[in-house]
Protein backbone atom coordinates (compact mmCIF):
# COMPACT_ATOMS: atom_id res chain seq x y z
CA UNK A 1 6.22 7.59 -17.77
CA UNK A 2 9.99 9.30 -18.44
CA UNK A 3 12.06 9.43 -15.02
CA UNK A 4 14.70 12.13 -15.01
CA UNK A 5 17.00 11.67 -12.13
CA UNK A 6 18.65 14.60 -10.62
CA UNK A 7 21.88 16.02 -12.49
CA UNK A 8 25.12 15.68 -10.91
CA UNK A 9 27.53 18.39 -11.73
CA UNK A 10 30.83 17.55 -11.56
CA UNK A 11 32.34 20.89 -10.18
CA UNK A 12 30.27 20.50 -6.74
CA UNK A 13 30.59 19.56 -3.26
CA UNK A 14 28.29 18.14 -0.81
CA UNK A 15 26.47 21.47 -0.48
CA UNK A 16 25.65 21.46 -3.83
CA UNK A 17 23.29 18.82 -3.45
CA UNK A 18 21.13 19.75 -0.48
CA UNK A 19 20.91 19.42 2.96
CA UNK A 20 17.90 17.10 4.55
CA UNK A 21 16.76 17.45 7.98
CA UNK A 22 15.39 14.42 9.61
CA UNK A 23 13.04 14.76 12.52
CA UNK A 24 12.65 11.10 13.01
CA UNK A 25 13.04 7.91 15.85
CA UNK A 26 12.54 7.75 19.25
CA UNK A 27 13.93 5.00 22.30
CA UNK A 28 11.28 2.59 21.05
CA UNK A 29 12.08 2.76 17.42
CA UNK A 30 15.28 3.82 16.63
CA UNK A 31 15.62 1.69 13.60
CA UNK A 32 13.07 3.96 11.24
CA UNK A 33 15.13 7.38 12.04
CA UNK A 34 18.63 5.66 10.64
CA UNK A 35 16.99 3.79 7.96
CA UNK A 36 15.62 6.88 6.20
CA UNK A 37 18.67 8.95 6.84
CA UNK A 38 20.65 6.04 5.11
CA UNK A 39 18.30 5.93 2.22
CA UNK A 40 18.27 9.93 1.80
CA UNK A 41 21.77 9.66 1.63
CA UNK A 42 22.07 6.86 -0.41
CA UNK A 43 19.69 8.46 -2.82
CA UNK A 44 22.31 11.46 -3.46
CA UNK A 45 21.64 14.25 -1.18
CA UNK A 46 24.72 15.84 0.57
CA UNK A 47 24.22 15.71 4.09
CA UNK A 48 21.38 14.38 6.47
CA UNK A 49 21.06 15.99 9.96
CA UNK A 50 19.24 13.61 12.09
CA UNK A 51 17.27 15.48 14.84
CA UNK A 52 16.46 12.78 17.43
CA UNK A 53 16.15 10.85 20.66
CA UNK A 54 19.72 10.44 22.25
CA UNK A 55 19.11 6.83 22.84
CA UNK A 56 18.95 6.48 18.66
CA UNK A 57 22.35 8.66 18.64
CA UNK A 58 24.04 5.97 21.03
CA UNK A 59 22.86 3.10 18.70
CA UNK A 60 26.24 1.86 18.44
CA UNK A 61 26.18 -0.07 15.40
CA UNK A 62 25.65 2.99 13.57
CA UNK A 63 28.19 5.15 14.64
CA UNK A 64 30.15 5.04 11.75
CA UNK A 65 27.28 6.39 9.27
CA UNK A 66 27.83 9.39 7.70
CA UNK A 67 24.80 11.04 9.46
CA UNK A 68 25.12 14.28 11.70
CA UNK A 69 23.23 13.97 14.78
CA UNK A 70 21.32 16.79 16.00
CA UNK A 71 19.10 17.47 19.45
CA UNK A 72 15.47 18.19 18.67
CA UNK A 73 16.28 21.79 20.83
CA UNK A 74 18.05 22.63 17.63
CA UNK A 75 15.31 21.93 14.95
CA UNK A 76 14.09 26.00 13.83
CA UNK A 77 17.86 26.72 13.59
CA UNK A 78 18.44 23.81 11.10
CA UNK A 79 15.55 24.33 9.41
CA UNK A 80 16.71 27.42 8.20
CA UNK A 81 19.53 25.98 6.47
CA UNK A 82 18.11 22.87 5.13
CA UNK A 83 16.68 21.89 1.54
CA UNK A 84 14.32 19.40 2.64
CA UNK A 85 12.48 18.35 5.52
CA UNK A 86 11.31 14.73 6.58
CA UNK A 87 9.32 14.29 9.95
CA UNK A 88 7.64 11.45 11.39
CA UNK A 89 9.56 7.84 10.62
CA UNK A 90 9.39 6.24 14.41
CA UNK A 91 8.62 9.78 16.09
CA UNK A 92 6.19 7.92 18.09
CA UNK A 93 2.84 9.62 18.90
CA UNK A 94 3.20 10.86 22.66
CA UNK A 95 3.35 13.90 24.03
CA UNK A 96 6.97 14.19 23.37
CA UNK A 97 6.11 13.63 19.69
CA UNK A 98 3.08 15.96 19.68
CA UNK A 99 5.44 18.92 20.78
CA UNK A 100 8.22 18.47 18.39
CA UNK A 101 5.68 17.97 15.28
CA UNK A 102 3.64 21.46 16.61
CA UNK A 103 7.23 23.24 17.07
CA UNK A 104 8.60 21.99 13.58
CA UNK A 105 5.39 23.77 11.80
CA UNK A 106 5.38 26.62 14.10
CA UNK A 107 8.41 27.76 12.76
CA UNK A 108 6.73 28.23 9.24
CA UNK A 109 9.67 27.35 7.42
CA UNK A 110 8.73 27.10 3.86
CA UNK A 111 11.15 24.05 2.73
CA UNK A 112 10.05 21.02 0.81
CA UNK A 113 8.58 18.80 3.61
CA UNK A 114 7.57 15.14 3.40
CA UNK A 115 5.42 13.79 6.64
CA UNK A 116 5.57 9.97 6.71
CA UNK A 117 4.27 7.60 9.44
CA UNK A 118 3.92 9.09 12.85
CA UNK A 119 4.15 12.60 11.16
CA UNK A 120 1.02 11.61 9.58
CA UNK A 121 -0.83 10.11 12.77
CA UNK A 122 -0.09 13.37 14.23
CA UNK A 123 -1.52 15.39 11.44
CA UNK A 124 -4.77 13.84 11.64
CA UNK A 125 -5.09 14.02 15.22
CA UNK A 126 -3.76 17.26 16.06
CA UNK A 127 -3.99 19.36 12.56
CA UNK A 128 -1.82 22.26 11.92
CA UNK A 129 -2.68 25.72 11.28
CA UNK A 130 0.27 25.84 8.35
CA UNK A 131 1.56 23.42 6.39
CA UNK A 132 4.36 24.24 4.08
CA UNK A 133 3.63 24.83 -0.12
CA UNK A 134 5.91 21.95 -1.34
CA UNK A 135 4.24 18.94 0.69
CA UNK A 136 4.09 15.42 0.46
CA UNK A 137 2.31 13.05 2.41
CA UNK A 138 3.06 9.15 2.38
CA UNK A 139 0.28 7.35 3.74
CA UNK A 140 -0.47 3.75 3.82
CA UNK A 141 -4.53 3.06 3.76
CA UNK A 142 -4.80 2.98 7.44
CA UNK A 143 -3.03 6.32 7.77
CA UNK A 144 -5.15 7.29 4.80
CA UNK A 145 -8.03 6.75 6.78
CA UNK A 146 -7.31 8.73 9.66
CA UNK A 147 -6.20 12.14 7.26
CA UNK A 148 -9.59 11.25 5.57
CA UNK A 149 -11.65 11.55 9.14
CA UNK A 150 -12.09 8.14 9.21
CA UNK A 151 -13.09 7.15 5.36
CA UNK A 152 -12.97 2.69 5.49
CA UNK A 153 -9.81 1.39 4.91
CA UNK A 154 -11.72 -1.21 2.50
CA UNK A 155 -13.52 1.60 0.68
CA UNK A 156 -9.82 3.75 -0.20
CA UNK A 157 -8.67 0.42 -1.28
CA UNK A 158 -11.44 0.12 -3.77
CA UNK A 159 -10.45 3.83 -5.12
CA UNK A 160 -6.94 4.81 -4.49
CA UNK A 161 -6.62 6.71 -7.29
CA UNK A 162 -9.86 9.03 -5.83
CA UNK A 163 -8.95 9.08 -2.13
CA UNK A 164 -5.37 9.61 -3.30
CA UNK A 165 -6.58 12.80 -4.88
CA UNK A 166 -9.11 13.58 -1.82
CA UNK A 167 -5.94 13.89 0.33
CA UNK A 168 -4.03 15.77 -2.44
CA UNK A 169 -6.98 18.31 -2.44
CA UNK A 170 -7.59 18.32 1.36
CA UNK A 171 -3.90 19.19 2.14
CA UNK A 172 -2.68 20.82 -0.81
CA UNK A 173 -0.19 18.35 -1.21
CA UNK A 174 1.43 15.47 -3.42
CA UNK A 175 -0.10 12.33 -1.92
CA UNK A 176 1.89 8.82 -1.94
CA UNK A 177 -0.76 6.35 -1.05
CA UNK A 178 1.12 3.04 -0.45
CA UNK A 179 -0.40 -0.26 -1.64
CA UNK A 180 0.26 -3.01 -4.24
CA UNK A 181 0.00 -0.45 -7.12
CA UNK A 182 1.05 2.79 -5.39
CA UNK A 183 -0.64 5.85 -6.46
CA UNK A 184 0.89 9.44 -6.51
CA UNK A 185 -1.42 12.34 -6.98
CA UNK A 186 -0.85 15.93 -6.84
CA UNK A 187 -3.53 19.12 -6.00
CA UNK A 188 -3.56 19.75 -10.03
CA UNK A 189 -4.99 16.68 -10.97
CA UNK A 190 -1.58 14.65 -11.62
CA UNK A 191 -1.88 10.64 -11.17
CA UNK A 192 1.09 7.77 -11.53
CA UNK A 193 0.48 4.61 -11.03
CA UNK A 194 3.30 2.45 -10.10
CA UNK A 195 4.08 -0.80 -11.63
CA UNK A 196 7.46 -1.91 -9.36
CA UNK A 197 7.40 -3.97 -6.04
CA UNK A 198 6.35 -6.79 -4.20
CA UNK A 199 5.50 -8.78 -1.36
CA UNK A 200 9.12 -9.02 0.09
CA UNK A 201 8.55 -5.20 0.51
CA UNK A 202 5.54 -5.81 2.93
CA UNK A 203 7.79 -5.22 6.07
CA UNK A 204 8.08 -2.96 9.04
CA UNK A 205 10.86 -0.20 7.60
CA UNK A 206 10.05 -0.19 3.83
CA UNK A 207 7.96 2.76 4.09
CA UNK A 208 11.07 4.67 5.92
CA UNK A 209 13.24 3.68 3.01
CA UNK A 210 10.81 5.55 0.64
CA UNK A 211 10.37 8.31 2.86
CA UNK A 212 13.93 9.06 2.76
CA UNK A 213 14.74 8.76 -0.89
CA UNK A 214 11.90 10.82 -1.91
CA UNK A 215 13.32 13.56 0.47
CA UNK A 216 16.65 13.58 -1.09
CA UNK A 217 15.17 13.88 -4.38
CA UNK A 218 13.50 17.27 -2.58
CA UNK A 219 16.88 18.38 -1.00
CA UNK A 220 18.34 17.95 -4.84
CA UNK A 221 15.68 20.62 -6.13
CA UNK A 222 13.47 18.08 -8.13
CA UNK A 223 9.55 19.30 -7.88
CA UNK A 224 7.57 17.28 -5.28
CA UNK A 225 5.43 15.26 -7.85
CA UNK A 226 8.55 14.47 -9.96
CA UNK A 227 10.32 13.45 -6.49
CA UNK A 228 7.83 11.24 -5.50
CA UNK A 229 7.16 9.28 -8.82
CA UNK A 230 10.74 9.06 -9.20
CA UNK A 231 11.43 7.82 -5.63
CA UNK A 232 8.24 5.31 -5.76
CA UNK A 233 9.59 3.76 -8.83
CA UNK A 234 13.18 3.31 -7.73
CA UNK A 235 12.21 2.00 -4.05
CA UNK A 236 9.93 -0.68 -5.95
CA UNK A 237 12.48 -1.57 -8.49
CA UNK A 238 15.43 -1.71 -5.61
CA UNK A 239 12.83 -4.40 -4.15
CA UNK A 240 12.54 -6.47 -7.20
CA UNK A 241 15.94 -6.53 -7.52
CA UNK A 242 16.23 -7.60 -3.96
CA UNK A 243 13.98 -10.27 -4.53
CA UNK A 244 15.11 -11.78 -7.32
CA UNK A 245 18.43 -12.17 -5.27
CA UNK A 246 17.19 -13.01 -1.83
CA UNK A 247 13.67 -14.47 -2.29
CA UNK A 248 10.44 -12.86 -1.46
CA UNK A 249 10.73 -13.96 2.06
CA UNK A 250 14.25 -12.70 2.79
CA UNK A 251 14.28 -9.31 1.88
CA UNK A 252 14.59 -6.41 4.71
CA UNK A 253 14.74 -2.92 4.82
CA UNK A 254 18.62 -2.64 4.77
CA UNK A 255 18.21 -4.67 1.64
CA UNK A 256 16.21 -2.69 -0.27
CA UNK A 257 18.78 0.37 0.51
CA UNK A 258 21.53 -1.82 -0.35
CA UNK A 259 20.15 -2.66 -3.74
CA UNK A 260 19.49 1.38 -4.90
CA UNK A 261 22.58 1.45 -6.52
CA UNK A 262 21.46 -1.38 -8.96
CA UNK A 263 18.31 0.28 -9.26
CA UNK A 264 19.87 3.60 -10.16
CA UNK A 265 22.33 1.92 -12.32
CA UNK A 266 19.03 0.35 -14.16
CA UNK A 267 17.38 3.50 -14.83
CA UNK A 268 20.53 4.89 -15.84
């Protein structure tokens, strides 16, 4: 498959490359919100507005990061001015999270959207009367099982292409089914099987990096299937480069972000 990065016009400004609204994080899981936001910025978008818990805003080590913090009460306003939405990384599944999830999709803002992690669990638990047209779901096998109404994980792993396609049909979305060879499917029958990535990436937070990358490409006006396949490929390539330098034991999610420039350079 031939990958094409979003164009970078020299006559441009930060608004040219899109604003991501990232609704993620909680006092129990602040890292997921910050990691996904930094991954999005590192992948080329112009802004990330992080709507999150106040405890996340006060994480001192991230105060110099170029992330704009926003209160969850302002979600509807930010949806009007964003080019892409990410929801779910470290959001939790308690009543607070469920209310935020429902409120977000009650607005019916038609912008490209990635639902990841706890957002997927909330979707499978509560459903939604309305989802945006340009939607990407990024489940691991257990989350896929929930989205499919309880299909056994082992069954999903035995035929990832089929079950990813089932999710795409059921939710009218692009599906990124995260496994050793991640599968991307669309509701139109497109299939991509990834060949980058390794065991070093089997750590909490790696999926948050991927969600941020894909959402960044959506904000840069990429087609959802192209954004998902490019994001999966570069995410895995960054993992391969990090493993080669750091070993499969020592790679952390922040390392994946730090190796993204080399992954981009390799693709270029």
